[in-house]
Amino acid sequence: MRAEFDRGEHNALVAGDDMYFVMERGTDVHVITSACPHRGGPLHLGEVEDDRLRCPWHGSFFPVGRLCDRAHPSVRVGDAVTVYLPATDHSPVPVHTMVRAGVNAA
């Protein structure tokens, strides 16, 4: 499923029960599933320490590079971001949320 949003206005997407957040590394934008692979914790609320993201629920660290390698395919042109998400019955809705995972909230 294709979703588009303006990075200057939004830093996350919600599709059904799934949340995705934007992580910037250098000039690249990565759209990452917010659910921790261990217990489903909200990774978008995690802290980045030494290029590792800490899950706020159980404290496990995930290398940011590895998370970005598993990001959903996306393209940014200026502030416009297009991302391809897994199919769902719900259309993605861009949201502006306070994410802490290395993201500057616009």
PDB file of N, CA and C in Angstrom:
ATOM      1  N   MET A   1       0.840  -1.158   0.000  1.00  0.00           N
ATOM      2  CA  MET A   1       0.000   0.000   0.000  1.00  0.00           C
ATOM      3  C   MET A   1       0.894   1.234   0.000  1.00  0.00           C
ATOM      4  N   ARG A   2       0.583   2.152  -0.860  1.00  0.00           N
ATOM      5  CA  ARG A   2       1.359   3.378  -0.987  1.00  0.00           C
ATOM      6  C   ARG A   2       0.763   4.473  -0.104  1.00  0.00           C
ATOM      7  N   ALA A   3       1.619   5.179   0.624  1.00  0.00           N
ATOM      8  CA  ALA A   3       1.179   6.298   1.449  1.00  0.00           C
ATOM      9  C   ALA A   3       2.099   7.481   1.184  1.00  0.00           C
ATOM     10  N   GLU A   4       1.533   8.655   1.198  1.00  0.00           N
ATOM     11  CA  GLU A   4       2.307   9.872   0.994  1.00  0.00           C
ATOM     12  C   GLU A   4       2.025  10.837   2.132  1.00  0.00           C
ATOM     13  N   PHE A   5       3.068  11.563   2.551  1.00  0.00           N
ATOM     14  CA  PHE A   5       2.874  12.578   3.573  1.00  0.00           C
ATOM     15  C   PHE A   5       3.954  13.631   3.442  1.00  0.00           C
ATOM     16  N   ASP A   6       3.708  14.770   4.057  1.00  0.00           N
ATOM     17  CA  ASP A   6       4.632  15.894   4.043  1.00  0.00           C
ATOM     18  C   ASP A   6       5.476  15.822   5.306  1.00  0.00           C
ATOM     19  N   ARG A   7       6.752  15.581   5.153  1.00  0.00           N
ATOM     20  CA  ARG A   7       7.664  15.429   6.288  1.00  0.00           C
ATOM     21  C   ARG A   7       7.725  16.695   7.138  1.00  0.00           C
ATOM     22  N   GLY A   8       7.485  17.843   6.533  1.00  0.00           N
ATOM     23  CA  GLY A   8       7.486  19.087   7.282  1.00  0.00           C
ATOM     24  C   GLY A   8       6.312  19.203   8.242  1.00  0.00           C
ATOM     25  N   GLU A   9       5.244  18.418   7.987  1.00  0.00           N
ATOM     26  CA  GLU A   9       4.048  18.478   8.822  1.00  0.00           C
ATOM     27  C   GLU A   9       3.825  17.223   9.659  1.00  0.00           C
ATOM     28  N   HIS A  10       4.356  16.082   9.207  1.00  0.00           N
ATOM     29  CA  HIS A  10       4.072  14.806   9.869  1.00  0.00           C
ATOM     30  C   HIS A  10       5.367  14.016  10.072  1.00  0.00           C
ATOM     31  N   ASN A  11       5.412  13.237  11.155  1.00  0.00           N
ATOM     32  CA  ASN A  11       6.578  12.390  11.368  1.00  0.00           C
ATOM     33  C   ASN A  11       6.191  10.957  11.711  1.00  0.00           C
ATOM     34  N   ALA A  12       4.943  10.610  11.451  1.00  0.00           N
ATOM     35  CA  ALA A  12       4.497   9.234  11.699  1.00  0.00           C
ATOM     36  C   ALA A  12       3.265   8.938  10.852  1.00  0.00           C
ATOM     37  N   LEU A  13       2.981   7.655  10.696  1.00  0.00           N
ATOM     38  CA  LEU A  13       1.793   7.183   9.985  1.00  0.00           C
ATOM     39  C   LEU A  13       1.118   6.140  10.850  1.00  0.00           C
ATOM     40  N   VAL A  14      -0.194   6.105  10.801  1.00  0.00           N
ATOM     41  CA  VAL A  14      -0.964   5.059  11.461  1.00  0.00           C
ATOM     42  C   VAL A  14      -1.818   4.395  10.401  1.00  0.00           C
ATOM     43  N   ALA A  15      -1.755   3.075  10.324  1.00  0.00           N
ATOM     44  CA  ALA A  15      -2.594   2.296   9.410  1.00  0.00           C
ATOM     45  C   ALA A  15      -3.231   1.184  10.232  1.00  0.00           C
ATOM     46  N   GLY A  16      -4.519   1.317  10.508  1.00  0.00           N
ATOM     47  CA  GLY A  16      -5.193   0.346  11.371  1.00  0.00           C
ATOM     48  C   GLY A  16      -4.587   0.402  12.760  1.00  0.00           C
ATOM     49  N   ASP A  17      -4.078  -0.732  13.233  1.00  0.00           N
ATOM     50  CA  ASP A  17      -3.453  -0.798  14.559  1.00  0.00           C
ATOM     51  C   ASP A  17      -1.936  -0.613  14.511  1.00  0.00           C
ATOM     52  N   ASP A  18      -1.391  -0.358  13.329  1.00  0.00           N
ATOM     53  CA  ASP A  18       0.060  -0.272  13.162  1.00  0.00           C
ATOM     54  C   ASP A  18       0.530   1.165  13.057  1.00  0.00           C
ATOM     55  N   MET A  19       1.610   1.472  13.771  1.00  0.00           N
ATOM     56  CA  MET A  19       2.215   2.797  13.702  1.00  0.00           C
ATOM     57  C   MET A  19       3.591   2.677  13.083  1.00  0.00           C
ATOM     58  N   TYR A  20       3.933   3.658  12.277  1.00  0.00           N
ATOM     59  CA  TYR A  20       5.228   3.738  11.616  1.00  0.00           C
ATOM     60  C   TYR A  20       5.783   5.122  11.907  1.00  0.00           C
ATOM     61  N   PHE A  21       7.085   5.226  12.146  1.00  0.00           N
ATOM     62  CA  PHE A  21       7.674   6.528  12.419  1.00  0.00           C
ATOM     63  C   PHE A  21       8.850   6.779  11.495  1.00  0.00           C
ATOM     64  N   VAL A  22       9.198   8.043  11.378  1.00  0.00           N
ATOM     65  CA  VAL A  22      10.281   8.476  10.506  1.00  0.00           C
ATOM     66  C   VAL A  22      11.545   8.659  11.325  1.00  0.00           C
ATOM     67  N   MET A  23      12.615   8.060  10.857  1.00  0.00           N
ATOM     68  CA  MET A  23      13.921   8.264  11.468  1.00  0.00           C
ATOM     69  C   MET A  23      14.826   8.820  10.380  1.00  0.00           C
ATOM     70  N   GLU A  24      15.498   9.901  10.698  1.00  0.00           N
ATOM     71  CA  GLU A  24      16.420  10.510   9.756  1.00  0.00           C
ATOM     72  C   GLU A  24      17.844  10.143  10.136  1.00  0.00           C
ATOM     73  N   ARG A  25      18.603   9.735   9.126  1.00  0.00           N
ATOM     74  CA  ARG A  25      20.039   9.462   9.308  1.00  0.00           C
ATOM     75  C   ARG A  25      20.755  10.190   8.195  1.00  0.00           C
ATOM     76  N   GLY A  26      21.455  11.227   8.549  1.00  0.00           N
ATOM     77  CA  GLY A  26      22.084  12.051   7.524  1.00  0.00           C
ATOM     78  C   GLY A  26      21.006  12.686   6.663  1.00  0.00           C
ATOM     79  N   THR A  27      21.098  12.477   5.376  1.00  0.00           N
ATOM     80  CA  THR A  27      20.091  13.030   4.460  1.00  0.00           C
ATOM     81  C   THR A  27      19.010  12.017   4.117  1.00  0.00           C
ATOM     82  N   ASP A  28      19.112  10.802   4.652  1.00  0.00           N
ATOM     83  CA  ASP A  28      18.151   9.749   4.345  1.00  0.00           C
ATOM     84  C   ASP A  28      17.001   9.737   5.340  1.00  0.00           C
ATOM     85  N   VAL A  29      15.820   9.373   4.837  1.00  0.00           N
ATOM     86  CA  VAL A  29      14.628   9.215   5.670  1.00  0.00           C
ATOM     87  C   VAL A  29      14.239   7.746   5.642  1.00  0.00           C
ATOM     88  N   HIS A  30      13.991   7.184   6.814  1.00  0.00           N
ATOM     89  CA  HIS A  30      13.590   5.786   6.934  1.00  0.00           C
ATOM     90  C   HIS A  30      12.263   5.713   7.666  1.00  0.00           C
ATOM     91  N   VAL A  31      11.304   4.966   7.099  1.00  0.00           N
ATOM     92  CA  VAL A  31      10.010   4.777   7.749  1.00  0.00           C
ATOM     93  C   VAL A  31      10.034   3.395   8.381  1.00  0.00           C
ATOM     94  N   ILE A  32       9.937   3.355   9.710  1.00  0.00           N
ATOM     95  CA  ILE A  32      10.173   2.145  10.490  1.00  0.00           C
ATOM     96  C   ILE A  32       8.917   1.765  11.265  1.00  0.00           C
ATOM     97  N   THR A  33       8.654   0.461  11.350  1.00  0.00           N
ATOM     98  CA  THR A  33       7.560  -0.035  12.175  1.00  0.00           C
ATOM     99  C   THR A  33       7.863   0.281  13.630  1.00  0.00           C
ATOM    100  N   SER A  34       6.891   0.836  14.335  1.00  0.00           N
ATOM    101  CA  SER A  34       7.122   1.258  15.710  1.00  0.00           C
ATOM    102  C   SER A  34       7.115   0.099  16.702  1.00  0.00           C
ATOM    103  N   ALA A  35       6.508  -1.018  16.368  1.00  0.00           N
ATOM    104  CA  ALA A  35       6.384  -2.135  17.313  1.00  0.00           C
ATOM    105  C   ALA A  35       7.728  -2.837  17.515  1.00  0.00           C
ATOM    106  N   CYS A  36       8.150  -2.910  18.758  1.00  0.00           N
ATOM    107  CA  CYS A  36       9.366  -3.637  19.107  1.00  0.00           C
ATOM    108  C   CYS A  36       9.199  -5.102  18.708  1.00  0.00           C
ATOM    109  N   PRO A  37      10.217  -5.708  18.087  1.00  0.00           N
ATOM    110  CA  PRO A  37      10.089  -7.108  17.675  1.00  0.00           C
ATOM    111  C   PRO A  37       9.974  -8.095  18.843  1.00  0.00           C
ATOM    112  N   HIS A  38      10.363  -7.682  20.051  1.00  0.00           N
ATOM    113  CA  HIS A  38      10.279  -8.584  21.195  1.00  0.00           C
ATOM    114  C   HIS A  38       8.906  -8.594  21.836  1.00  0.00           C
ATOM    115  N   ARG A  39       8.412  -7.421  22.233  1.00  0.00           N
ATOM    116  CA  ARG A  39       7.162  -7.364  22.974  1.00  0.00           C
ATOM    117  C   ARG A  39       6.176  -6.345  22.433  1.00  0.00           C
ATOM    118  N   GLY A  40       6.465  -5.782  21.265  1.00  0.00           N
ATOM    119  CA  GLY A  40       5.534  -4.843  20.650  1.00  0.00           C
ATOM    120  C   GLY A  40       5.573  -3.448  21.235  1.00  0.00           C
ATOM    121  N   GLY A  41       6.591  -3.148  22.017  1.00  0.00           N
ATOM    122  CA  GLY A  41       6.692  -1.822  22.633  1.00  0.00           C
ATOM    123  C   GLY A  41       6.777  -0.719  21.600  1.00  0.00           C
ATOM    124  N   PRO A  42       6.456   0.515  21.984  1.00  0.00           N
ATOM    125  CA  PRO A  42       6.433   1.654  21.068  1.00  0.00           C
ATOM    126  C   PRO A  42       7.830   2.218  20.807  1.00  0.00           C
ATOM    127  N   LEU A  43       8.512   1.699  19.795  1.00  0.00           N
ATOM    128  CA  LEU A  43       9.876   2.138  19.517  1.00  0.00           C
ATOM    129  C   LEU A  43       9.963   3.625  19.223  1.00  0.00           C
ATOM    130  N   HIS A  44       8.874   4.229  18.725  1.00  0.00           N
ATOM    131  CA  HIS A  44       8.925   5.660  18.416  1.00  0.00           C
ATOM    132  C   HIS A  44       9.101   6.509  19.672  1.00  0.00           C
ATOM    133  N   LEU A  45       8.914   5.917  20.837  1.00  0.00           N
ATOM    134  CA  LEU A  45       9.133   6.637  22.095  1.00  0.00           C
ATOM    135  C   LEU A  45      10.493   6.324  22.709  1.00  0.00           C
ATOM    136  N   GLY A  46      11.289   5.517  22.009  1.00  0.00           N
ATOM    137  CA  GLY A  46      12.598   5.127  22.519  1.00  0.00           C
ATOM    138  C   GLY A  46      13.619   6.236  22.421  1.00  0.00           C
ATOM    139  N   GLU A  47      14.730   6.029  23.089  1.00  0.00           N
ATOM    140  CA  GLU A  47      15.846   6.971  23.089  1.00  0.00           C
ATOM    141  C   GLU A  47      16.968   6.402  22.231  1.00  0.00           C
ATOM    142  N   VAL A  48      17.630   7.260  21.459  1.00  0.00           N
ATOM    143  CA  VAL A  48      18.805   6.841  20.696  1.00  0.00           C
ATOM    144  C   VAL A  48      20.037   7.169  21.523  1.00  0.00           C
ATOM    145  N   GLU A  49      20.847   6.129  21.773  1.00  0.00           N
ATOM    146  CA  GLU A  49      22.088   6.268  22.525  1.00  0.00           C
ATOM    147  C   GLU A  49      23.183   5.540  21.767  1.00  0.00           C
ATOM    148  N   ASP A  50      24.238   6.266  21.421  1.00  0.00           N
ATOM    149  CA  ASP A  50      25.372   5.663  20.715  1.00  0.00           C
ATOM    150  C   ASP A  50      24.925   4.885  19.485  1.00  0.00           C
ATOM    151  N   ASP A  51      24.057   5.490  18.669  1.00  0.00           N
ATOM    152  CA  ASP A  51      23.558   4.895  17.425  1.00  0.00           C
ATOM    153  C   ASP A  51      22.791   3.588  17.656  1.00  0.00           C
ATOM    154  N   ARG A  52      22.190   3.478  18.859  1.00  0.00           N
ATOM    155  CA  ARG A  52      21.320   2.338  19.181  1.00  0.00           C
ATOM    156  C   ARG A  52      20.027   2.895  19.762  1.00  0.00           C
ATOM    157  N   LEU A  53      18.917   2.292  19.391  1.00  0.00           N
ATOM    158  CA  LEU A  53      17.611   2.704  19.888  1.00  0.00           C
ATOM    159  C   LEU A  53      17.203   1.792  21.035  1.00  0.00           C
ATOM    160  N   ARG A  54      16.853   2.404  22.166  1.00  0.00           N
ATOM    161  CA  ARG A  54      16.444   1.635  23.341  1.00  0.00           C
ATOM    162  C   ARG A  54      14.926   1.540  23.376  1.00  0.00           C
ATOM    163  N   CYS A  55      14.397   0.309  23.507  1.00  0.00           N
ATOM    164  CA  CYS A  55      12.960   0.108  23.644  1.00  0.00           C
ATOM    165  C   CYS A  55      12.521   0.667  24.996  1.00  0.00           C
ATOM    166  N   PRO A  56      11.469   1.510  25.014  1.00  0.00           N
ATOM    167  CA  PRO A  56      11.045   2.087  26.290  1.00  0.00           C
ATOM    168  C   PRO A  56      10.350   1.090  27.216  1.00  0.00           C
ATOM    169  N   TRP A  57       9.939  -0.059  26.707  1.00  0.00           N
ATOM    170  CA  TRP A  57       9.245  -1.037  27.551  1.00  0.00           C
ATOM    171  C   TRP A  57      10.194  -1.966  28.288  1.00  0.00           C
ATOM    172  N   HIS A  58      11.195  -2.500  27.581  1.00  0.00           N
ATOM    173  CA  HIS A  58      12.042  -3.482  28.255  1.00  0.00           C
ATOM    174  C   HIS A  58      13.534  -3.173  28.167  1.00  0.00           C
ATOM    175  N   GLY A  59      13.886  -2.020  27.607  1.00  0.00           N
ATOM    176  CA  GLY A  59      15.266  -1.553  27.657  1.00  0.00           C
ATOM    177  C   GLY A  59      16.224  -2.196  26.679  1.00  0.00           C
ATOM    178  N   SER A  60      15.775  -3.097  25.827  1.00  0.00           N
ATOM    179  CA  SER A  60      16.676  -3.694  24.847  1.00  0.00           C
ATOM    180  C   SER A  60      17.114  -2.654  23.827  1.00  0.00           C
ATOM    181  N   PHE A  61      18.341  -2.816  23.349  1.00  0.00           N
ATOM    182  CA  PHE A  61      18.883  -1.907  22.347  1.00  0.00           C
ATOM    183  C   PHE A  61      18.830  -2.551  20.967  1.00  0.00           C
ATOM    184  N   PHE A  62      18.576  -1.717  19.962  1.00  0.00           N
ATOM    185  CA  PHE A  62      18.575  -2.149  18.565  1.00  0.00           C
ATOM    186  C   PHE A  62      19.478  -1.199  17.792  1.00  0.00           C
ATOM    187  N   PRO A  63      20.445  -1.738  17.033  1.00  0.00           N
ATOM    188  CA  PRO A  63      21.289  -0.851  16.234  1.00  0.00           C
ATOM    189  C   PRO A  63      20.433  -0.067  15.241  1.00  0.00           C
ATOM    190  N   VAL A  64      20.613   1.246  15.217  1.00  0.00           N
ATOM    191  CA  VAL A  64      19.826   2.097  14.333  1.00  0.00           C
ATOM    192  C   VAL A  64      20.028   1.679  12.876  1.00  0.00           C
ATOM    193  N   GLY A  65      21.258   1.341  12.507  1.00  0.00           N
ATOM    194  CA  GLY A  65      21.528   0.911  11.132  1.00  0.00           C
ATOM    195  C   GLY A  65      20.715  -0.316  10.750  1.00  0.00           C
ATOM    196  N   ARG A  66      20.590  -1.250  11.680  1.00  0.00           N
ATOM    197  CA  ARG A  66      19.807  -2.466  11.401  1.00  0.00           C
ATOM    198  C   ARG A  66      18.325  -2.137  11.248  1.00  0.00           C
ATOM    199  N   LEU A  67      17.804  -1.256  12.102  1.00  0.00           N
ATOM    200  CA  LEU A  67      16.413  -0.833  11.964  1.00  0.00           C
ATOM    201  C   LEU A  67      16.186  -0.145  10.620  1.00  0.00           C
ATOM    202  N   CYS A  68      17.114   0.713  10.242  1.00  0.00           N
ATOM    203  CA  CYS A  68      16.980   1.424   8.971  1.00  0.00           C
ATOM    204  C   CYS A  68      17.088   0.467   7.782  1.00  0.00           C
ATOM    205  N   ASP A  69      17.915  -0.574   7.914  1.00  0.00           N
ATOM    206  CA  ASP A  69      18.016  -1.576   6.848  1.00  0.00           C
ATOM    207  C   ASP A  69      16.692  -2.305   6.643  1.00  0.00           C
ATOM    208  N   ARG A  70      15.892  -2.395   7.705  1.00  0.00           N
ATOM    209  CA  ARG A  70      14.598  -3.088   7.646  1.00  0.00           C
ATOM    210  C   ARG A  70      13.430  -2.123   7.436  1.00  0.00           C
ATOM    211  N   ALA A  71      13.745  -0.855   7.176  1.00  0.00           N
ATOM    212  CA  ALA A  71      12.706   0.157   6.973  1.00  0.00           C
ATOM    213  C   ALA A  71      11.888  -0.165   5.725  1.00  0.00           C
ATOM    214  N   HIS A  72      10.700   0.391   5.686  1.00  0.00           N
ATOM    215  CA  HIS A  72       9.821   0.199   4.535  1.00  0.00           C
ATOM    216  C   HIS A  72      10.328   1.051   3.382  1.00  0.00           C
ATOM    217  N   PRO A  73      10.213   0.548   2.154  1.00  0.00           N
ATOM    218  CA  PRO A  73      10.714   1.307   1.001  1.00  0.00           C
ATOM    219  C   PRO A  73      10.081   2.693   0.948  1.00  0.00           C
ATOM    220  N   SER A  74      10.923   3.701   0.862  1.00  0.00           N
ATOM    221  CA  SER A  74      10.401   5.067   0.820  1.00  0.00           C
ATOM    222  C   SER A  74      11.314   5.942  -0.022  1.00  0.00           C
ATOM    223  N   VAL A  75      10.736   7.032  -0.487  1.00  0.00           N
ATOM    224  CA  VAL A  75      11.460   8.018  -1.281  1.00  0.00           C
ATOM    225  C   VAL A  75      11.070   9.394  -0.770  1.00  0.00           C
ATOM    226  N   ARG A  76      12.059  10.267  -0.605  1.00  0.00           N
ATOM    227  CA  ARG A  76      11.770  11.646  -0.205  1.00  0.00           C
ATOM    228  C   ARG A  76      12.239  12.580  -1.304  1.00  0.00           C
ATOM    229  N   VAL A  77      11.357  13.492  -1.676  1.00  0.00           N
ATOM    230  CA  VAL A  77      11.690  14.570  -2.603  1.00  0.00           C
ATOM    231  C   VAL A  77      11.277  15.854  -1.899  1.00  0.00           C
ATOM    232  N   GLY A  78      12.267  16.609  -1.445  1.00  0.00           N
ATOM    233  CA  GLY A  78      11.969  17.771  -0.608  1.00  0.00           C
ATOM    234  C   GLY A  78      11.369  17.278   0.693  1.00  0.00           C
ATOM    235  N   ASP A  79      10.197  17.773   1.050  1.00  0.00           N
ATOM    236  CA  ASP A  79       9.499  17.318   2.254  1.00  0.00           C
ATOM    237  C   ASP A  79       8.482  16.230   1.962  1.00  0.00           C
ATOM    238  N   ALA A  80       8.251  15.924   0.684  1.00  0.00           N
ATOM    239  CA  ALA A  80       7.266  14.899   0.320  1.00  0.00           C
ATOM    240  C   ALA A  80       7.889  13.512   0.443  1.00  0.00           C
ATOM    241  N   VAL A  81       7.257  12.661   1.241  1.00  0.00           N
ATOM    242  CA  VAL A  81       7.736  11.291   1.436  1.00  0.00           C
ATOM    243  C   VAL A  81       6.668  10.330   0.930  1.00  0.00           C
ATOM    244  N   THR A  82       7.094   9.377   0.109  1.00  0.00           N
ATOM    245  CA  THR A  82       6.222   8.301  -0.351  1.00  0.00           C
ATOM    246  C   THR A  82       6.788   7.011   0.215  1.00  0.00           C
ATOM    247  N   VAL A  83       5.932   6.210   0.845  1.00  0.00           N
ATOM    248  CA  VAL A  83       6.364   4.967   1.474  1.00  0.00           C
ATOM    249  C   VAL A  83       5.419   3.851   1.058  1.00  0.00           C
ATOM    250  N   TYR A  84       5.954   2.646   0.965  1.00  0.00           N
ATOM    251  CA  TYR A  84       5.151   1.470   0.639  1.00  0.00           C
ATOM    252  C   TYR A  84       5.064   0.600   1.889  1.00  0.00           C
ATOM    253  N   LEU A  85       3.840   0.465   2.401  1.00  0.00           N
ATOM    254  CA  LEU A  85       3.572  -0.276   3.639  1.00  0.00           C
ATOM    255  C   LEU A  85       2.886  -1.592   3.325  1.00  0.00           C
ATOM    256  N   PRO A  86       2.925  -2.551   4.256  1.00  0.00           N
ATOM    257  CA  PRO A  86       2.191  -3.798   4.058  1.00  0.00           C
ATOM    258  C   PRO A  86       0.701  -3.506   3.871  1.00  0.00           C
ATOM    259  N   ALA A  87       0.046  -4.334   3.082  1.00  0.00           N
ATOM    260  CA  ALA A  87      -1.386  -4.160   2.818  1.00  0.00           C
ATOM    261  C   ALA A  87      -2.186  -4.285   4.107  1.00  0.00           C
ATOM    262  N   THR A  88      -3.218  -3.465   4.214  1.00  0.00           N
ATOM    263  CA  THR A  88      -4.108  -3.482   5.367  1.00  0.00           C
ATOM    264  C   THR A  88      -5.491  -3.044   4.909  1.00  0.00           C
ATOM    265  N   ASP A  89      -6.489  -3.286   5.737  1.00  0.00           N
ATOM    266  CA  ASP A  89      -7.846  -2.852   5.409  1.00  0.00           C
ATOM    267  C   ASP A  89      -8.045  -1.362   5.650  1.00  0.00           C
ATOM    268  N   HIS A  90      -7.072  -0.717   6.302  1.00  0.00           N
ATOM    269  CA  HIS A  90      -7.199   0.694   6.667  1.00  0.00           C
ATOM    270  C   HIS A  90      -6.210   1.540   5.887  1.00  0.00           C
ATOM    271  N   SER A  91      -6.648   2.662   5.395  1.00  0.00           N
ATOM    272  CA  SER A  91      -5.748   3.593   4.718  1.00  0.00           C
ATOM    273  C   SER A  91      -4.846   4.263   5.741  1.00  0.00           C
ATOM    274  N   PRO A  92      -3.581   4.449   5.409  1.00  0.00           N
ATOM    275  CA  PRO A  92      -2.670   5.121   6.337  1.00  0.00           C
ATOM    276  C   PRO A  92      -3.083   6.573   6.549  1.00  0.00           C
ATOM    277  N   VAL A  93      -2.955   7.023   7.772  1.00  0.00           N
ATOM    278  CA  VAL A  93      -3.266   8.402   8.133  1.00  0.00           C
ATOM    279  C   VAL A  93      -1.989   9.021   8.681  1.00  0.00           C
ATOM    280  N   PRO A  94      -1.461  10.087   8.039  1.00  0.00           N
ATOM    281  CA  PRO A  94      -0.271  10.730   8.581  1.00  0.00           C
ATOM    282  C   PRO A  94      -0.602  11.473   9.861  1.00  0.00           C
ATOM    283  N   VAL A  95       0.288  11.389  10.826  1.00  0.00           N
ATOM    284  CA  VAL A  95       0.080  12.069  12.095  1.00  0.00           C
ATOM    285  C   VAL A  95       1.350  12.795  12.500  1.00  0.00           C
ATOM    286  N   HIS A  96       1.170  13.867  13.209  1.00  0.00           N
ATOM    287  CA  HIS A  96       2.292  14.567  13.826  1.00  0.00           C
ATOM    288  C   HIS A  96       2.289  14.160  15.281  1.00  0.00           C
ATOM    289  N   THR A  97       3.286  13.430  15.669  1.00  0.00           N
ATOM    290  CA  THR A  97       3.358  12.934  17.033  1.00  0.00           C
ATOM    291  C   THR A  97       4.729  13.248  17.602  1.00  0.00           C
ATOM    292  N   MET A  98       4.844  13.282  18.870  1.00  0.00           N
ATOM    293  CA  MET A  98       6.132  13.552  19.493  1.00  0.00           C
ATOM    294  C   MET A  98       6.936  12.273  19.551  1.00  0.00           C
ATOM    295  N   VAL A  99       7.731  12.030  18.539  1.00  0.00           N
ATOM    296  CA  VAL A  99       8.594  10.859  18.556  1.00  0.00           C
ATOM    297  C   VAL A  99       9.977  11.298  19.016  1.00  0.00           C
ATOM    298  N   ARG A 100      10.606  10.447  19.778  1.00  0.00           N
ATOM    299  CA  ARG A 100      11.913  10.793  20.327  1.00  0.00           C
ATOM    300  C   ARG A 100      13.041  10.036  19.672  1.00  0.00           C
ATOM    301  N   ALA A 101      12.750   9.020  18.895  1.00  0.00           N
ATOM    302  CA  ALA A 101      13.782   8.134  18.381  1.00  0.00           C
ATOM    303  C   ALA A 101      14.641   8.813  17.304  1.00  0.00           C
ATOM    304  N   GLY A 102      15.426   9.770  17.693  1.00  0.00           N
ATOM    305  CA  GLY A 102      16.337  10.414  16.770  1.00  0.00           C
ATOM    306  C   GLY A 102      15.628  11.267  15.737  1.00  0.00           C
ATOM    307  N   VAL A 103      14.400  11.649  16.015  1.00  0.00           N
ATOM    308  CA  VAL A 103      13.606  12.397  15.050  1.00  0.00           C
ATOM    309  C   VAL A 103      13.374  13.799  15.590  1.00  0.00           C
ATOM    310  N   ASN A 104      13.603  14.772  14.753  1.00  0.00           N
ATOM    311  CA  ASN A 104      13.276  16.140  15.138  1.00  0.00           C
ATOM    312  C   ASN A 104      11.820  16.380  14.785  1.00  0.00           C
ATOM    313  N   ALA A 105      10.970  16.574  15.768  1.00  0.00           N
ATOM    314  CA  ALA A 105       9.563  16.839  15.511  1.00  0.00           C
ATOM    315  C   ALA A 105       9.436  18.178  14.810  1.00  0.00           C
ATOM    316  N   ALA A 106       8.732  18.170  13.685  1.00  0.00           N
ATOM    317  CA  ALA A 106       8.580  19.396  12.901  1.00  0.00           C
ATOM    318  C   ALA A 106       7.610  20.345  13.557  1.00  0.00           C
TER     319      ALA A 106
END
